[in-house]
Amino acid sequence: MKTVIAPIDFSETSTNALSFAAELSKRAKSLLLIVHVLPKGADRKEAEGKLKSTDARLKKSLGSDFKCESSIVSGNLVTALKKIIKDRNPNIIVMGTKGASGLKKIVEGSNTVNVLSKTKVPLLVIPEAAKFENFLKKGKNRIVLASDLNEIKNDGALEILKDIALLLIEPKIRVVSIRPKNTFINDTGALQRNFLVSFFRPEIESERITVFSANVIRGINLYLGKKNRDTGLIAMVARDSGHLFQKHYTREMASHTHLPLLVMHDR
């Protein structure tokens, strides 16, 4: 993980996500790129002042070895990010969301859906209630990788998850698949499940979990309800331009918006 992008509009939500991005960047020895998209008619000097203060605050709290750059761009967020992605080839984008209704809004709203559908960079969604210090606690070291057990064609799609997991204390990855009772996975699904479990070994403890439910999201929520205390991150692979994300992570996932959500891309 060499480069992290953090869009910021100076709200509490984006500032909290920026804290996540900054801490991840420092621990991974990555470069953090802070991006502010200047709204039409906004005062550029005021934005420059806020961005300068943000830079100074982060560098003071994280030390001289913390690498950070910031920029102000005009236009819309997706266009700005696409240009930065082309120029800087980042490994991850970190964005914030606010509250239970916030996840539904960020899933269905234009900005994040467009980022998901029009870029191929992994996206880490940080709820307003999620704090980085809790993310690093020893008791929050479980990562839930929700999988449909379809083949992942992009071999590098899971690398960012492995990078983040290795920043945790004694990380554990649980590959969670959901299927109705009295059904069996096919040979392709079994191979994919075994691949996902073995991908993270030996550096990270990993195991497979099957949850029996007729509904994918209810099954995931059922598992999270039982394992919520030690879960620090939910991860999934988005397919078909973010369609899986839009379809499955709306109202029912909103009950778990206190957990960071990592969306990777299989393309």
C-alpha atoms as a PDB file:
ATOM      1  CA  MET A   1       0.000   0.000   0.000  1.00  0.00           C
ATOM      2  CA  LYS A   2       1.943   2.984  -1.294  1.00  0.00           C
ATOM      3  CA  THR A   3      -0.657   5.719  -1.822  1.00  0.00           C
ATOM      4  CA  VAL A   4      -3.944   6.540  -0.046  1.00  0.00           C
ATOM      5  CA  ILE A   5      -6.521   9.104  -1.210  1.00  0.00           C
ATOM      6  CA  ALA A   6      -8.791  10.859   1.291  1.00  0.00           C
ATOM      7  CA  PRO A   7     -11.411  13.273  -0.087  1.00  0.00           C
ATOM      8  CA  ILE A   8     -12.405  15.871   2.513  1.00  0.00           C
ATOM      9  CA  ASP A   9     -15.105  18.528   2.720  1.00  0.00           C
ATOM     10  CA  PHE A  10     -14.140  19.537   6.305  1.00  0.00           C
ATOM     11  CA  SER A  11     -17.279  18.008   7.824  1.00  0.00           C
ATOM     12  CA  GLU A  12     -16.944  15.885  10.980  1.00  0.00           C
ATOM     13  CA  THR A  13     -17.678  12.792   8.921  1.00  0.00           C
ATOM     14  CA  SER A  14     -14.942  13.397   6.360  1.00  0.00           C
ATOM     15  CA  THR A  15     -12.513  14.526   9.067  1.00  0.00           C
ATOM     16  CA  ASN A  16     -13.056  11.244  10.909  1.00  0.00           C
ATOM     17  CA  ALA A  17     -12.449   9.292   7.687  1.00  0.00           C
ATOM     18  CA  LEU A  18      -9.319  11.373   7.128  1.00  0.00           C
ATOM     19  CA  SER A  19      -8.047  10.320  10.556  1.00  0.00           C
ATOM     20  CA  PHE A  20      -8.483   6.692   9.497  1.00  0.00           C
ATOM     21  CA  ALA A  21      -6.675   7.345   6.225  1.00  0.00           C
ATOM     22  CA  ALA A  22      -3.836   9.168   7.972  1.00  0.00           C
ATOM     23  CA  GLU A  23      -3.314   6.451  10.582  1.00  0.00           C
ATOM     24  CA  LEU A  24      -3.375   3.734   7.922  1.00  0.00           C
ATOM     25  CA  SER A  25      -0.908   5.696   5.824  1.00  0.00           C
ATOM     26  CA  LYS A  26       1.503   6.201   8.705  1.00  0.00           C
ATOM     27  CA  ARG A  27       1.468   2.543   9.734  1.00  0.00           C
ATOM     28  CA  ALA A  28       1.838   1.342   6.156  1.00  0.00           C
ATOM     29  CA  LYS A  29       4.468   4.031   5.438  1.00  0.00           C
ATOM     30  CA  SER A  30       2.287   5.223   2.580  1.00  0.00           C
ATOM     31  CA  LEU A  31       1.753   8.645   1.057  1.00  0.00           C
ATOM     32  CA  LEU A  32      -1.573  10.270   1.944  1.00  0.00           C
ATOM     33  CA  LEU A  33      -3.180  12.470  -0.706  1.00  0.00           C
ATOM     34  CA  ILE A  34      -5.858  14.763   0.759  1.00  0.00           C
ATOM     35  CA  VAL A  35      -8.258  16.089  -1.863  1.00  0.00           C
ATOM     36  CA  HIS A  36     -10.780  18.881  -1.438  1.00  0.00           C
ATOM     37  CA  VAL A  37     -13.216  19.510  -4.266  1.00  0.00           C
ATOM     38  CA  LEU A  38     -14.090  23.201  -4.238  1.00  0.00           C
ATOM     39  CA  PRO A  39     -17.858  23.709  -4.568  1.00  0.00           C
ATOM     40  CA  LYS A  40     -19.044  26.217  -7.158  1.00  0.00           C
ATOM     41  CA  GLY A  41     -18.967  29.712  -5.713  1.00  0.00           C
ATOM     42  CA  ALA A  42     -16.941  28.704  -2.640  1.00  0.00           C
ATOM     43  CA  ASP A  43     -14.092  30.817  -1.262  1.00  0.00           C
ATOM     44  CA  ARG A  44     -10.824  29.239  -2.422  1.00  0.00           C
ATOM     45  CA  LYS A  45      -8.675  31.127   0.103  1.00  0.00           C
ATOM     46  CA  GLU A  46     -10.855  29.900   2.954  1.00  0.00           C
ATOM     47  CA  ALA A  47     -10.522  26.319   1.702  1.00  0.00           C
ATOM     48  CA  GLU A  48      -6.757  26.722   1.367  1.00  0.00           C
ATOM     49  CA  GLY A  49      -6.571  27.927   4.960  1.00  0.00           C
ATOM     50  CA  LYS A  50      -8.568  24.964   6.253  1.00  0.00           C
ATOM     51  CA  LEU A  51      -6.480  22.521   4.236  1.00  0.00           C
ATOM     52  CA  LYS A  52      -3.245  24.067   5.504  1.00  0.00           C
ATOM     53  CA  SER A  53      -4.480  23.758   9.099  1.00  0.00           C
ATOM     54  CA  THR A  54      -5.479  20.138   8.483  1.00  0.00           C
ATOM     55  CA  ASP A  55      -2.033  19.322   7.077  1.00  0.00           C
ATOM     56  CA  ALA A  56      -0.308  20.949  10.046  1.00  0.00           C
ATOM     57  CA  ARG A  57      -2.505  19.147  12.578  1.00  0.00           C
ATOM     58  CA  LEU A  58      -1.854  15.738  11.044  1.00  0.00           C
ATOM     59  CA  LYS A  59       1.892  16.244  10.740  1.00  0.00           C
ATOM     60  CA  LYS A  60       2.093  17.450  14.341  1.00  0.00           C
ATOM     61  CA  SER A  61       0.158  14.474  15.721  1.00  0.00           C
ATOM     62  CA  LEU A  62       1.690  11.776  13.497  1.00  0.00           C
ATOM     63  CA  GLY A  63       5.309  12.862  13.422  1.00  0.00           C
ATOM     64  CA  SER A  64       7.944  13.875  10.912  1.00  0.00           C
ATOM     65  CA  ASP A  65       7.931  10.507   9.129  1.00  0.00           C
ATOM     66  CA  PHE A  66       4.270  10.954   8.124  1.00  0.00           C
ATOM     67  CA  LYS A  67       4.050  11.645   4.380  1.00  0.00           C
ATOM     68  CA  CYS A  68       1.182  13.832   3.232  1.00  0.00           C
ATOM     69  CA  GLU A  69       0.202  15.997   0.246  1.00  0.00           C
ATOM     70  CA  SER A  70      -2.963  18.024  -0.286  1.00  0.00           C
ATOM     71  CA  SER A  71      -4.688  19.687  -3.193  1.00  0.00           C
ATOM     72  CA  ILE A  72      -7.773  21.693  -4.079  1.00  0.00           C
ATOM     73  CA  VAL A  73      -9.533  20.850  -7.324  1.00  0.00           C
ATOM     74  CA  SER A  74     -12.568  22.237  -9.103  1.00  0.00           C
ATOM     75  CA  GLY A  75     -15.381  20.282 -10.711  1.00  0.00           C
ATOM     76  CA  ASN A  76     -16.945  17.144  -9.304  1.00  0.00           C
ATOM     77  CA  LEU A  77     -15.451  14.495  -7.044  1.00  0.00           C
ATOM     78  CA  VAL A  78     -15.458  11.584  -9.484  1.00  0.00           C
ATOM     79  CA  THR A  79     -13.792  13.554 -12.274  1.00  0.00           C
ATOM     80  CA  ALA A  80     -11.139  14.797  -9.856  1.00  0.00           C
ATOM     81  CA  LEU A  81     -10.504  11.319  -8.473  1.00  0.00           C
ATOM     82  CA  LYS A  82     -10.241   9.765 -11.925  1.00  0.00           C
ATOM     83  CA  LYS A  83      -7.522  12.254 -12.861  1.00  0.00           C
ATOM     84  CA  ILE A  84      -5.635  11.659  -9.612  1.00  0.00           C
ATOM     85  CA  ILE A  85      -5.972   7.896 -10.050  1.00  0.00           C
ATOM     86  CA  LYS A  86      -4.516   8.159 -13.545  1.00  0.00           C
ATOM     87  CA  ASP A  87      -1.628  10.337 -12.374  1.00  0.00           C
ATOM     88  CA  ARG A  88      -0.823   8.766  -9.005  1.00  0.00           C
ATOM     89  CA  ASN A  89      -2.089   5.163  -9.168  1.00  0.00           C
ATOM     90  CA  PRO A  90      -3.406   5.008  -5.551  1.00  0.00           C
ATOM     91  CA  ASN A  91      -4.056   1.753  -3.713  1.00  0.00           C
ATOM     92  CA  ILE A  92      -7.172   2.818  -1.816  1.00  0.00           C
ATOM     93  CA  ILE A  93      -9.702   5.630  -1.367  1.00  0.00           C
ATOM     94  CA  VAL A  94     -11.049   6.380   2.121  1.00  0.00           C
ATOM     95  CA  MET A  95     -14.444   8.096   2.475  1.00  0.00           C
ATOM     96  CA  GLY A  96     -16.837   8.757   5.348  1.00  0.00           C
ATOM     97  CA  THR A  97     -20.529   8.201   5.933  1.00  0.00           C
ATOM     98  CA  LYS A  98     -22.883   9.419   8.643  1.00  0.00           C
ATOM     99  CA  GLY A  99     -25.209   7.254  10.701  1.00  0.00           C
ATOM    100  CA  ALA A 100     -27.554   4.403   9.789  1.00  0.00           C
ATOM    101  CA  SER A 101     -29.349   6.398   7.128  1.00  0.00           C
ATOM    102  CA  GLY A 102     -25.947   7.592   5.975  1.00  0.00           C
ATOM    103  CA  LEU A 103     -24.860   4.210   4.664  1.00  0.00           C
ATOM    104  CA  LYS A 104     -28.035   3.931   2.641  1.00  0.00           C
ATOM    105  CA  LYS A 105     -27.426   7.455   1.364  1.00  0.00           C
ATOM    106  CA  ILE A 106     -23.793   6.821   0.526  1.00  0.00           C
ATOM    107  CA  VAL A 107     -24.699   3.586  -1.241  1.00  0.00           C
ATOM    108  CA  GLU A 108     -27.503   5.121  -3.241  1.00  0.00           C
ATOM    109  CA  GLY A 109     -26.134   8.654  -3.574  1.00  0.00           C
ATOM    110  CA  SER A 110     -24.202   9.860  -6.569  1.00  0.00           C
ATOM    111  CA  ASN A 111     -20.717  10.356  -5.147  1.00  0.00           C
ATOM    112  CA  THR A 112     -19.834   6.960  -3.753  1.00  0.00           C
ATOM    113  CA  VAL A 113     -21.788   4.938  -6.299  1.00  0.00           C
ATOM    114  CA  ASN A 114     -19.980   6.837  -9.018  1.00  0.00           C
ATOM    115  CA  VAL A 115     -16.642   6.227  -7.322  1.00  0.00           C
ATOM    116  CA  LEU A 116     -17.499   2.520  -7.130  1.00  0.00           C
ATOM    117  CA  SER A 117     -18.774   2.224 -10.666  1.00  0.00           C
ATOM    118  CA  LYS A 118     -16.356   4.538 -12.445  1.00  0.00           C
ATOM    119  CA  THR A 119     -13.080   3.692 -10.727  1.00  0.00           C
ATOM    120  CA  LYS A 120     -11.321   0.430  -9.984  1.00  0.00           C
ATOM    121  CA  VAL A 121      -9.690   1.522  -6.746  1.00  0.00           C
ATOM    122  CA  PRO A 122     -10.672  -0.205  -3.471  1.00  0.00           C
ATOM    123  CA  LEU A 123     -12.928   1.962  -1.309  1.00  0.00           C
ATOM    124  CA  LEU A 124     -12.871   2.027   2.492  1.00  0.00           C
ATOM    125  CA  VAL A 125     -16.122   3.485   3.860  1.00  0.00           C
ATOM    126  CA  ILE A 126     -15.759   4.854   7.401  1.00  0.00           C
ATOM    127  CA  PRO A 127     -18.930   5.431   9.460  1.00  0.00           C
ATOM    128  CA  GLU A 128     -18.952   8.540  11.618  1.00  0.00           C
ATOM    129  CA  ALA A 129     -19.138   6.413  14.766  1.00  0.00           C
ATOM    130  CA  ALA A 130     -16.064   4.337  13.855  1.00  0.00           C
ATOM    131  CA  LYS A 131     -12.869   5.482  15.549  1.00  0.00           C
ATOM    132  CA  PHE A 132      -9.397   4.363  14.538  1.00  0.00           C
ATOM    133  CA  GLU A 133      -8.316   3.661  18.102  1.00  0.00           C
ATOM    134  CA  ASN A 134     -11.122   1.083  18.361  1.00  0.00           C
ATOM    135  CA  PHE A 135     -10.085  -0.402  15.021  1.00  0.00           C
ATOM    136  CA  LEU A 136      -6.650  -1.177  16.489  1.00  0.00           C
ATOM    137  CA  LYS A 137      -7.873  -2.748  19.715  1.00  0.00           C
ATOM    138  CA  LYS A 138      -6.777  -6.334  20.254  1.00  0.00           C
ATOM    139  CA  GLY A 139     -10.378  -7.417  20.752  1.00  0.00           C
ATOM    140  CA  LYS A 140     -11.450  -6.018  17.352  1.00  0.00           C
ATOM    141  CA  ASN A 141      -9.132  -8.116  15.225  1.00  0.00           C
ATOM    142  CA  ARG A 142     -11.687 -10.153  13.285  1.00  0.00           C
ATOM    143  CA  ILE A 143     -12.315  -9.276   9.634  1.00  0.00           C
ATOM    144  CA  VAL A 144     -15.430 -10.626   7.943  1.00  0.00           C
ATOM    145  CA  LEU A 145     -14.937 -11.244   4.227  1.00  0.00           C
ATOM    146  CA  ALA A 146     -18.437 -11.744   2.852  1.00  0.00           C
ATOM    147  CA  SER A 147     -18.191 -13.812  -0.328  1.00  0.00           C
ATOM    148  CA  ASP A 148     -20.586 -15.133  -2.941  1.00  0.00           C
ATOM    149  CA  LEU A 149     -17.925 -17.794  -3.726  1.00  0.00           C
ATOM    150  CA  ASN A 150     -17.866 -16.817  -7.381  1.00  0.00           C
ATOM    151  CA  GLU A 151     -14.438 -16.803  -8.985  1.00  0.00           C
ATOM    152  CA  ILE A 152     -12.347 -13.676  -8.447  1.00  0.00           C
ATOM    153  CA  LYS A 153     -10.644 -13.001 -11.762  1.00  0.00           C
ATOM    154  CA  ASN A 154      -8.525 -10.064 -10.573  1.00  0.00           C
ATOM    155  CA  ASP A 155      -5.654 -11.721  -8.706  1.00  0.00           C
ATOM    156  CA  GLY A 156      -4.718  -8.472  -6.986  1.00  0.00           C
ATOM    157  CA  ALA A 157      -8.194  -7.642  -5.699  1.00  0.00           C
ATOM    158  CA  LEU A 158      -7.538  -9.051  -2.230  1.00  0.00           C
ATOM    159  CA  GLU A 159      -4.065  -7.586  -1.712  1.00  0.00           C
ATOM    160  CA  ILE A 160      -5.358  -4.391  -0.100  1.00  0.00           C
ATOM    161  CA  LEU A 161      -7.356  -6.414   2.440  1.00  0.00           C
ATOM    162  CA  LYS A 162      -4.245  -8.378   3.343  1.00  0.00           C
ATOM    163  CA  ASP A 163      -2.260  -5.150   3.724  1.00  0.00           C
ATOM    164  CA  ILE A 164      -4.848  -3.655   6.077  1.00  0.00           C
ATOM    165  CA  ALA A 165      -5.238  -6.891   8.049  1.00  0.00           C
ATOM    166  CA  LEU A 166      -1.509  -7.013   8.731  1.00  0.00           C
ATOM    167  CA  LEU A 167      -1.787  -3.637  10.482  1.00  0.00           C
ATOM    168  CA  LEU A 168      -4.051  -5.188  13.124  1.00  0.00           C
ATOM    169  CA  ILE A 169      -2.983  -7.032  16.260  1.00  0.00           C
ATOM    170  CA  GLU A 170      -3.212 -10.783  15.645  1.00  0.00           C
ATOM    171  CA  PRO A 171      -5.672 -10.423  12.736  1.00  0.00           C
ATOM    172  CA  LYS A 172      -8.192 -13.126  11.909  1.00  0.00           C
ATOM    173  CA  ILE A 173     -10.082 -13.344   8.641  1.00  0.00           C
ATOM    174  CA  ARG A 174     -13.367 -15.197   8.402  1.00  0.00           C
ATOM    175  CA  VAL A 175     -14.552 -16.050   4.892  1.00  0.00           C
ATOM    176  CA  VAL A 176     -18.316 -15.995   5.365  1.00  0.00           C
ATOM    177  CA  SER A 177     -20.624 -17.495   2.749  1.00  0.00           C
ATOM    178  CA  ILE A 178     -24.389 -17.764   3.026  1.00  0.00           C
ATOM    179  CA  ARG A 179     -26.654 -20.394   1.536  1.00  0.00           C
ATOM    180  CA  PRO A 180     -30.097 -21.877   2.302  1.00  0.00           C
ATOM    181  CA  LYS A 181     -30.372 -24.949   4.505  1.00  0.00           C
ATOM    182  CA  ASN A 182     -30.128 -28.351   2.851  1.00  0.00           C
ATOM    183  CA  THR A 183     -28.133 -26.982  -0.091  1.00  0.00           C
ATOM    184  CA  PHE A 184     -24.560 -27.646  -1.152  1.00  0.00           C
ATOM    185  CA  ILE A 185     -21.929 -25.528  -2.870  1.00  0.00           C
ATOM    186  CA  ASN A 186     -20.725 -26.641  -6.288  1.00  0.00           C
ATOM    187  CA  ASP A 187     -17.132 -27.570  -7.116  1.00  0.00           C
ATOM    188  CA  THR A 188     -16.298 -24.049  -8.317  1.00  0.00           C
ATOM    189  CA  GLY A 189     -17.619 -22.550  -5.092  1.00  0.00           C
ATOM    190  CA  ALA A 190     -15.642 -25.011  -2.997  1.00  0.00           C
ATOM    191  CA  LEU A 191     -12.448 -24.205  -4.894  1.00  0.00           C
ATOM    192  CA  GLN A 192     -13.017 -20.481  -4.494  1.00  0.00           C
ATOM    193  CA  ARG A 193     -13.682 -20.850  -0.771  1.00  0.00           C
ATOM    194  CA  ASN A 194     -10.455 -22.810  -0.337  1.00  0.00           C
ATOM    195  CA  PHE A 195      -8.573 -20.196  -2.365  1.00  0.00           C
ATOM    196  CA  LEU A 196      -9.881 -17.346  -0.213  1.00  0.00           C
ATOM    197  CA  VAL A 197      -8.949 -19.103   3.019  1.00  0.00           C
ATOM    198  CA  SER A 198      -5.460 -20.041   1.815  1.00  0.00           C
ATOM    199  CA  PHE A 199      -4.751 -16.620   0.257  1.00  0.00           C
ATOM    200  CA  PHE A 200      -4.162 -14.989   3.633  1.00  0.00           C
ATOM    201  CA  ARG A 201      -2.119 -17.783   5.163  1.00  0.00           C
ATOM    202  CA  PRO A 202       0.378 -18.204   6.768  1.00  0.00           C
ATOM    203  CA  GLU A 203       0.662 -14.544   7.835  1.00  0.00           C
ATOM    204  CA  ILE A 204      -2.984 -14.273   8.877  1.00  0.00           C
ATOM    205  CA  GLU A 205      -5.177 -16.796  10.631  1.00  0.00           C
ATOM    206  CA  SER A 206      -8.133 -17.532   8.390  1.00  0.00           C
ATOM    207  CA  GLU A 207     -11.036 -19.930   8.307  1.00  0.00           C
ATOM    208  CA  ARG A 208     -14.270 -20.537   6.444  1.00  0.00           C
ATOM    209  CA  ILE A 209     -17.687 -19.944   7.930  1.00  0.00           C
ATOM    210  CA  THR A 210     -21.005 -21.035   6.458  1.00  0.00           C
ATOM    211  CA  VAL A 211     -24.187 -19.326   7.565  1.00  0.00           C
ATOM    212  CA  PHE A 212     -27.474 -20.945   6.599  1.00  0.00           C
ATOM    213  CA  SER A 213     -30.036 -18.392   5.520  1.00  0.00           C
ATOM    214  CA  ALA A 214     -32.338 -17.923   2.548  1.00  0.00           C
ATOM    215  CA  ASN A 215     -31.294 -14.270   2.362  1.00  0.00           C
ATOM    216  CA  VAL A 216     -27.659 -13.197   1.911  1.00  0.00           C
ATOM    217  CA  ILE A 217     -27.819 -10.020   3.948  1.00  0.00           C
ATOM    218  CA  ARG A 218     -29.855 -11.527   6.744  1.00  0.00           C
ATOM    219  CA  GLY A 219     -27.253 -14.248   6.946  1.00  0.00           C
ATOM    220  CA  ILE A 220     -24.412 -11.742   7.177  1.00  0.00           C
ATOM    221  CA  ASN A 221     -26.292  -9.735   9.797  1.00  0.00           C
ATOM    222  CA  LEU A 222     -26.973 -12.934  11.722  1.00  0.00           C
ATOM    223  CA  TYR A 223     -23.264 -13.726  11.824  1.00  0.00           C
ATOM    224  CA  LEU A 224     -22.278 -10.159  12.713  1.00  0.00           C
ATOM    225  CA  GLY A 225     -24.859 -10.126  15.472  1.00  0.00           C
ATOM    226  CA  LYS A 226     -23.126 -13.072  17.091  1.00  0.00           C
ATOM    227  CA  LYS A 227     -19.548 -11.976  16.392  1.00  0.00           C
ATOM    228  CA  ASN A 228     -19.954  -8.221  16.580  1.00  0.00           C
ATOM    229  CA  ARG A 229     -17.754  -7.656  19.626  1.00  0.00           C
ATOM    230  CA  ASP A 230     -14.548  -8.775  17.968  1.00  0.00           C
ATOM    231  CA  THR A 231     -15.303  -7.690  14.381  1.00  0.00           C
ATOM    232  CA  GLY A 232     -13.373  -4.610  13.281  1.00  0.00           C
ATOM    233  CA  LEU A 233     -13.960  -4.615   9.522  1.00  0.00           C
ATOM    234  CA  ILE A 234     -16.367  -5.948   6.913  1.00  0.00           C
ATOM    235  CA  ALA A 235     -15.015  -6.610   3.420  1.00  0.00           C
ATOM    236  CA  MET A 236     -16.550  -7.628   0.126  1.00  0.00           C
ATOM    237  CA  VAL A 237     -15.741  -7.812  -3.572  1.00  0.00           C
ATOM    238  CA  ALA A 238     -17.951  -5.640  -5.784  1.00  0.00           C
ATOM    239  CA  ARG A 239     -18.931  -6.907  -9.211  1.00  0.00           C
ATOM    240  CA  ASP A 240     -20.761  -5.467 -12.200  1.00  0.00           C
ATOM    241  CA  SER A 241     -19.876  -1.814 -11.590  1.00  0.00           C
ATOM    242  CA  GLY A 242     -20.857  -1.851  -7.950  1.00  0.00           C
ATOM    243  CA  HIS A 243     -24.197  -3.604  -8.517  1.00  0.00           C
ATOM    244  CA  LEU A 244     -23.579  -6.208  -5.818  1.00  0.00           C
ATOM    245  CA  PHE A 245     -22.780  -3.453  -3.363  1.00  0.00           C
ATOM    246  CA  GLN A 246     -25.910  -1.493  -4.229  1.00  0.00           C
ATOM    247  CA  LYS A 247     -28.129  -4.553  -4.087  1.00  0.00           C
ATOM    248  CA  HIS A 248     -26.921  -6.107  -0.878  1.00  0.00           C
ATOM    249  CA  TYR A 249     -25.538  -3.339   1.334  1.00  0.00           C
ATOM    250  CA  THR A 250     -28.502  -1.019   1.822  1.00  0.00           C
ATOM    251  CA  ARG A 251     -31.107  -1.040   4.605  1.00  0.00           C
ATOM    252  CA  GLU A 252     -30.171  -4.350   6.183  1.00  0.00           C
ATOM    253  CA  MET A 253     -26.457  -3.509   6.366  1.00  0.00           C
ATOM    254  CA  ALA A 254     -27.258  -0.109   7.856  1.00  0.00           C
ATOM    255  CA  SER A 255     -27.556  -1.701  11.295  1.00  0.00           C
ATOM    256  CA  HIS A 256     -23.798  -2.254  11.212  1.00  0.00           C
ATOM    257  CA  THR A 257     -22.657   1.171  10.063  1.00  0.00           C
ATOM    258  CA  HIS A 258     -20.418   1.501  13.109  1.00  0.00           C
ATOM    259  CA  LEU A 259     -18.058  -0.916  11.327  1.00  0.00           C
ATOM    260  CA  PRO A 260     -15.710   0.170   8.530  1.00  0.00           C
ATOM    261  CA  LEU A 261     -16.588  -1.414   5.194  1.00  0.00           C
ATOM    262  CA  LEU A 262     -13.934  -2.245   2.566  1.00  0.00           C
ATOM    263  CA  VAL A 263     -15.145  -2.674  -1.021  1.00  0.00           C
ATOM    264  CA  MET A 264     -12.708  -4.232  -3.500  1.00  0.00           C
ATOM    265  CA  HIS A 265     -13.150  -4.633  -7.237  1.00  0.00           C
ATOM    266  CA  ASP A 266     -12.961  -7.750  -9.381  1.00  0.00           C
ATOM    267  CA  ARG A 267     -11.938  -6.015 -12.605  1.00  0.00           C
END
